Amino acid sequence: MEKNVGKIDKVIRILIALVIAGVGIYYQSWWGLLAIVPLATALTGTCGLYSLFGISTCSTKK
């Protein structure tokens, strides 16, 4: 798959993942596992929803 997640988007996704995981740990809930989704998309640089809608936050290099 083509990368479609830019640098700023990656940082935001990682921060969101940390918040979700922290809340899940604090409340001792399995919902904290949802942090895997934004973390995985940030680390791989690919978002399935972005692909479906044709969105890309990557900067184009020419």
PDB file of N, CA and C in Angstrom:
ATOM      1  N   MET A   1       0.837  -1.190   0.000  1.00  0.00           N
ATOM      2  CA  MET A   1       0.000   0.000   0.000  1.00  0.00           C
ATOM      3  C   MET A   1       0.877   1.246   0.000  1.00  0.00           C
ATOM      4  N   GLU A   2       0.345   2.268  -0.590  1.00  0.00           N
ATOM      5  CA  GLU A   2       1.063   3.530  -0.670  1.00  0.00           C
ATOM      6  C   GLU A   2       0.928   4.312   0.633  1.00  0.00           C
ATOM      7  N   LYS A   3       2.003   4.937   1.055  1.00  0.00           N
ATOM      8  CA  LYS A   3       1.974   5.722   2.292  1.00  0.00           C
ATOM      9  C   LYS A   3       1.126   6.968   2.080  1.00  0.00           C
ATOM     10  N   ASN A   4       0.250   7.245   3.060  1.00  0.00           N
ATOM     11  CA  ASN A   4      -0.624   8.406   2.937  1.00  0.00           C
ATOM     12  C   ASN A   4      -0.772   9.167   4.256  1.00  0.00           C
ATOM     13  N   VAL A   5       0.122   8.913   5.202  1.00  0.00           N
ATOM     14  CA  VAL A   5       0.091   9.586   6.501  1.00  0.00           C
ATOM     15  C   VAL A   5       1.364  10.413   6.628  1.00  0.00           C
ATOM     16  N   GLY A   6       1.201  11.734   6.767  1.00  0.00           N
ATOM     17  CA  GLY A   6       2.336  12.637   6.865  1.00  0.00           C
ATOM     18  C   GLY A   6       2.938  12.690   8.262  1.00  0.00           C
ATOM     19  N   LYS A   7       4.002  13.481   8.405  1.00  0.00           N
ATOM     20  CA  LYS A   7       4.744  13.561   9.671  1.00  0.00           C
ATOM     21  C   LYS A   7       3.892  14.111  10.815  1.00  0.00           C
ATOM     22  N   ILE A   8       3.215  15.220  10.580  1.00  0.00           N
ATOM     23  CA  ILE A   8       2.396  15.818  11.638  1.00  0.00           C
ATOM     24  C   ILE A   8       1.255  14.882  12.007  1.00  0.00           C
ATOM     25  N   ASP A   9       0.667  14.256  10.999  1.00  0.00           N
ATOM     26  CA  ASP A   9      -0.408  13.292  11.225  1.00  0.00           C
ATOM     27  C   ASP A   9       0.096  12.118  12.072  1.00  0.00           C
ATOM     28  N   LYS A  10       1.317  11.658  11.815  1.00  0.00           N
ATOM     29  CA  LYS A  10       1.897  10.561  12.600  1.00  0.00           C
ATOM     30  C   LYS A  10       2.049  10.953  14.066  1.00  0.00           C
ATOM     31  N   VAL A  11       2.549  12.144  14.305  1.00  0.00           N
ATOM     32  CA  VAL A  11       2.740  12.611  15.684  1.00  0.00           C
ATOM     33  C   VAL A  11       1.400  12.693  16.406  1.00  0.00           C
ATOM     34  N   ILE A  12       0.392  13.225  15.730  1.00  0.00           N
ATOM     35  CA  ILE A  12      -0.940  13.330  16.335  1.00  0.00           C
ATOM     36  C   ILE A  12      -1.500  11.952  16.640  1.00  0.00           C
ATOM     37  N   ARG A  13      -1.330  11.007  15.722  1.00  0.00           N
ATOM     38  CA  ARG A  13      -1.828   9.652  15.934  1.00  0.00           C
ATOM     39  C   ARG A  13      -1.122   8.971  17.106  1.00  0.00           C
ATOM     40  N   ILE A  14       0.179   9.183  17.235  1.00  0.00           N
ATOM     41  CA  ILE A  14       0.920   8.591  18.350  1.00  0.00           C
ATOM     42  C   ILE A  14       0.451   9.188  19.674  1.00  0.00           C
ATOM     43  N   LEU A  15       0.242  10.507  19.709  1.00  0.00           N
ATOM     44  CA  LEU A  15      -0.253  11.150  20.929  1.00  0.00           C
ATOM     45  C   LEU A  15      -1.645  10.640  21.301  1.00  0.00           C
ATOM     46  N   ILE A  16      -2.510  10.489  20.307  1.00  0.00           N
ATOM     47  CA  ILE A  16      -3.847   9.956  20.560  1.00  0.00           C
ATOM     48  C   ILE A  16      -3.757   8.537  21.096  1.00  0.00           C
ATOM     49  N   ALA A  17      -2.870   7.730  20.522  1.00  0.00           N
ATOM     50  CA  ALA A  17      -2.692   6.350  20.987  1.00  0.00           C
ATOM     51  C   ALA A  17      -2.222   6.314  22.435  1.00  0.00           C
ATOM     52  N   LEU A  18      -1.314   7.205  22.793  1.00  0.00           N
ATOM     53  CA  LEU A  18      -0.825   7.252  24.173  1.00  0.00           C
ATOM     54  C   LEU A  18      -1.939   7.650  25.141  1.00  0.00           C
ATOM     55  N   VAL A  19      -2.767   8.603  24.733  1.00  0.00           N
ATOM     56  CA  VAL A  19      -3.885   9.026  25.583  1.00  0.00           C
ATOM     57  C   VAL A  19      -4.882   7.887  25.756  1.00  0.00           C
ATOM     58  N   ILE A  20      -5.236   7.230  24.660  1.00  0.00           N
ATOM     59  CA  ILE A  20      -6.195   6.119  24.739  1.00  0.00           C
ATOM     60  C   ILE A  20      -5.646   4.997  25.619  1.00  0.00           C
ATOM     61  N   ALA A  21      -4.383   4.651  25.427  1.00  0.00           N
ATOM     62  CA  ALA A  21      -3.771   3.594  26.236  1.00  0.00           C
ATOM     63  C   ALA A  21      -3.721   4.007  27.707  1.00  0.00           C
ATOM     64  N   GLY A  22      -3.374   5.265  27.968  1.00  0.00           N
ATOM     65  CA  GLY A  22      -3.320   5.752  29.344  1.00  0.00           C
ATOM     66  C   GLY A  22      -4.669   5.701  30.040  1.00  0.00           C
ATOM     67  N   VAL A  23      -5.705   6.103  29.336  1.00  0.00           N
ATOM     68  CA  VAL A  23      -7.060   6.055  29.893  1.00  0.00           C
ATOM     69  C   VAL A  23      -7.471   4.603  30.133  1.00  0.00           C
ATOM     70  N   GLY A  24      -7.131   3.722  29.198  1.00  0.00           N
ATOM     71  CA  GLY A  24      -7.449   2.302  29.364  1.00  0.00           C
ATOM     72  C   GLY A  24      -6.745   1.697  30.562  1.00  0.00           C
ATOM     73  N   ILE A  25      -5.498   2.078  30.770  1.00  0.00           N
ATOM     74  CA  ILE A  25      -4.752   1.578  31.931  1.00  0.00           C
ATOM     75  C   ILE A  25      -5.316   2.165  33.218  1.00  0.00           C
ATOM     76  N   TYR A  26      -5.616   3.451  33.201  1.00  0.00           N
ATOM     77  CA  TYR A  26      -6.128   4.111  34.396  1.00  0.00           C
ATOM     78  C   TYR A  26      -7.440   3.473  34.860  1.00  0.00           C
ATOM     79  N   TYR A  27      -8.343   3.226  33.898  1.00  0.00           N
ATOM     80  CA  TYR A  27      -9.645   2.651  34.242  1.00  0.00           C
ATOM     81  C   TYR A  27      -9.634   1.119  34.213  1.00  0.00           C
ATOM     82  N   GLN A  28      -8.464   0.539  33.951  1.00  0.00           N
ATOM     83  CA  GLN A  28      -8.293  -0.912  33.884  1.00  0.00           C
ATOM     84  C   GLN A  28      -9.337  -1.537  32.975  1.00  0.00           C
ATOM     85  N   SER A  29      -9.401  -1.007  31.759  1.00  0.00           N
ATOM     86  CA  SER A  29     -10.386  -1.440  30.781  1.00  0.00           C
ATOM     87  C   SER A  29      -9.684  -1.955  29.527  1.00  0.00           C
ATOM     88  N   TRP A  30     -10.290  -2.926  28.880  1.00  0.00           N
ATOM     89  CA  TRP A  30      -9.731  -3.452  27.642  1.00  0.00           C
ATOM     90  C   TRP A  30      -9.880  -2.453  26.501  1.00  0.00           C
ATOM     91  N   TRP A  31     -10.662  -1.411  26.679  1.00  0.00           N
ATOM     92  CA  TRP A  31     -10.832  -0.392  25.653  1.00  0.00           C
ATOM     93  C   TRP A  31      -9.504   0.297  25.322  1.00  0.00           C
ATOM     94  N   GLY A  32      -8.554   0.238  26.225  1.00  0.00           N
ATOM     95  CA  GLY A  32      -7.239   0.806  25.963  1.00  0.00           C
ATOM     96  C   GLY A  32      -6.525   0.135  24.802  1.00  0.00           C
ATOM     97  N   LEU A  33      -6.959  -1.086  24.467  1.00  0.00           N
ATOM     98  CA  LEU A  33      -6.368  -1.787  23.324  1.00  0.00           C
ATOM     99  C   LEU A  33      -6.681  -1.097  22.005  1.00  0.00           C
ATOM    100  N   LEU A  34      -7.681  -0.232  22.002  1.00  0.00           N
ATOM    101  CA  LEU A  34      -7.993   0.520  20.780  1.00  0.00           C
ATOM    102  C   LEU A  34      -6.831   1.425  20.365  1.00  0.00           C
ATOM    103  N   ALA A  35      -5.905   1.658  21.272  1.00  0.00           N
ATOM    104  CA  ALA A  35      -4.736   2.479  20.958  1.00  0.00           C
ATOM    105  C   ALA A  35      -3.882   1.830  19.880  1.00  0.00           C
ATOM    106  N   ILE A  36      -4.072   0.540  19.664  1.00  0.00           N
ATOM    107  CA  ILE A  36      -3.299  -0.170  18.646  1.00  0.00           C
ATOM    108  C   ILE A  36      -3.587   0.395  17.249  1.00  0.00           C
ATOM    109  N   VAL A  37      -4.816   0.802  17.000  1.00  0.00           N
ATOM    110  CA  VAL A  37      -5.202   1.273  15.661  1.00  0.00           C
ATOM    111  C   VAL A  37      -4.440   2.547  15.258  1.00  0.00           C
ATOM    112  N   PRO A  38      -4.522   3.647  16.037  1.00  0.00           N
ATOM    113  CA  PRO A  38      -3.773   4.830  15.605  1.00  0.00           C
ATOM    114  C   PRO A  38      -2.258   4.620  15.661  1.00  0.00           C
ATOM    115  N   LEU A  39      -1.794   3.781  16.574  1.00  0.00           N
ATOM    116  CA  LEU A  39      -0.361   3.519  16.654  1.00  0.00           C
ATOM    117  C   LEU A  39       0.110   2.743  15.429  1.00  0.00           C
ATOM    118  N   ALA A  40      -0.650   1.754  15.013  1.00  0.00           N
ATOM    119  CA  ALA A  40      -0.276   0.959  13.840  1.00  0.00           C
ATOM    120  C   ALA A  40      -0.286   1.806  12.571  1.00  0.00           C
ATOM    121  N   THR A  41      -1.288   2.663  12.432  1.00  0.00           N
ATOM    122  CA  THR A  41      -1.351   3.502  11.237  1.00  0.00           C
ATOM    123  C   THR A  41      -0.210   4.522  11.226  1.00  0.00           C
ATOM    124  N   ALA A  42       0.173   4.988  12.400  1.00  0.00           N
ATOM    125  CA  ALA A  42       1.295   5.934  12.471  1.00  0.00           C
ATOM    126  C   ALA A  42       2.613   5.248  12.125  1.00  0.00           C
ATOM    127  N   LEU A  43       2.814   4.054  12.639  1.00  0.00           N
ATOM    128  CA  LEU A  43       4.077   3.352  12.401  1.00  0.00           C
ATOM    129  C   LEU A  43       4.205   2.838  10.972  1.00  0.00           C
ATOM    130  N   THR A  44       3.104   2.417  10.370  1.00  0.00           N
ATOM    131  CA  THR A  44       3.166   1.924   8.999  1.00  0.00           C
ATOM    132  C   THR A  44       3.100   3.046   7.974  1.00  0.00           C
ATOM    133  N   GLY A  45       2.507   4.179   8.368  1.00  0.00           N
ATOM    134  CA  GLY A  45       2.387   5.314   7.455  1.00  0.00           C
ATOM    135  C   GLY A  45       1.242   5.172   6.479  1.00  0.00           C
ATOM    136  N   THR A  46       0.365   4.202   6.730  1.00  0.00           N
ATOM    137  CA  THR A  46      -0.754   3.933   5.835  1.00  0.00           C
ATOM    138  C   THR A  46      -2.052   3.880   6.626  1.00  0.00           C
ATOM    139  N   CYS A  47      -3.062   4.588   6.146  1.00  0.00           N
ATOM    140  CA  CYS A  47      -4.376   4.573   6.778  1.00  0.00           C
ATOM    141  C   CYS A  47      -5.396   4.069   5.762  1.00  0.00           C
ATOM    142  N   GLY A  48      -6.119   3.011   6.119  1.00  0.00           N
ATOM    143  CA  GLY A  48      -7.102   2.431   5.225  1.00  0.00           C
ATOM    144  C   GLY A  48      -8.215   3.383   4.865  1.00  0.00           C
ATOM    145  N   LEU A  49      -8.697   4.151   5.843  1.00  0.00           N
ATOM    146  CA  LEU A  49      -9.766   5.113   5.558  1.00  0.00           C
ATOM    147  C   LEU A  49      -9.290   6.214   4.612  1.00  0.00           C
ATOM    148  N   TYR A  50      -8.046   6.653   4.789  1.00  0.00           N
ATOM    149  CA  TYR A  50      -7.506   7.658   3.876  1.00  0.00           C
ATOM    150  C   TYR A  50      -7.489   7.101   2.450  1.00  0.00           C
ATOM    151  N   SER A  51      -7.125   5.830   2.307  1.00  0.00           N
ATOM    152  CA  SER A  51      -7.088   5.216   0.980  1.00  0.00           C
ATOM    153  C   SER A  51      -8.472   5.165   0.355  1.00  0.00           C
ATOM    154  N   LEU A  52      -9.477   4.823   1.151  1.00  0.00           N
ATOM    155  CA  LEU A  52     -10.842   4.743   0.632  1.00  0.00           C
ATOM    156  C   LEU A  52     -11.346   6.088   0.125  1.00  0.00           C
ATOM    157  N   PHE A  53     -11.005   7.154   0.838  1.00  0.00           N
ATOM    158  CA  PHE A  53     -11.498   8.482   0.486  1.00  0.00           C
ATOM    159  C   PHE A  53     -10.514   9.279  -0.372  1.00  0.00           C
ATOM    160  N   GLY A  54      -9.373   8.702  -0.698  1.00  0.00           N
ATOM    161  CA  GLY A  54      -8.400   9.377  -1.551  1.00  0.00           C
ATOM    162  C   GLY A  54      -7.682  10.530  -0.878  1.00  0.00           C
ATOM    163  N   ILE A  55      -7.516  10.448   0.439  1.00  0.00           N
ATOM    164  CA  ILE A  55      -6.862  11.508   1.209  1.00  0.00           C
ATOM    165  C   ILE A  55      -5.401  11.133   1.428  1.00  0.00           C
ATOM    166  N   SER A  56      -4.529  12.115   1.423  1.00  0.00           N
ATOM    167  CA  SER A  56      -3.125  11.906   1.734  1.00  0.00           C
ATOM    168  C   SER A  56      -2.584  13.141   2.443  1.00  0.00           C
ATOM    169  N   THR A  57      -1.927  12.942   3.571  1.00  0.00           N
ATOM    170  CA  THR A  57      -1.309  14.058   4.282  1.00  0.00           C
ATOM    171  C   THR A  57       0.202  14.057   4.084  1.00  0.00           C
ATOM    172  N   CYS A  58       0.686  13.159   3.235  1.00  0.00           N
ATOM    173  CA  CYS A  58       2.117  13.126   2.913  1.00  0.00           C
ATOM    174  C   CYS A  58       2.460  14.302   2.008  1.00  0.00           C
ATOM    175  N   SER A  59       3.635  14.845   2.233  1.00  0.00           N
ATOM    176  CA  SER A  59       4.070  15.909   1.346  1.00  0.00           C
ATOM    177  C   SER A  59       4.608  15.268   0.060  1.00  0.00           C
ATOM    178  N   THR A  60       4.331  15.902  -1.041  1.00  0.00           N
ATOM    179  CA  THR A  60       4.805  15.373  -2.324  1.00  0.00           C
ATOM    180  C   THR A  60       6.185  15.925  -2.615  1.00  0.00           C
ATOM    181  N   LYS A  61       7.082  15.043  -3.005  1.00  0.00           N
ATOM    182  CA  LYS A  61       8.452  15.456  -3.342  1.00  0.00           C
ATOM    183  C   LYS A  61       8.604  15.464  -4.858  1.00  0.00           C
ATOM    184  N   LYS A  62       9.090  16.587  -5.361  1.00  0.00           N
ATOM    185  CA  LYS A  62       9.290  16.708  -6.825  1.00  0.00           C
ATOM    186  C   LYS A  62      10.728  17.007  -7.111  1.00  0.00           C
TER     187      LYS A  62
END
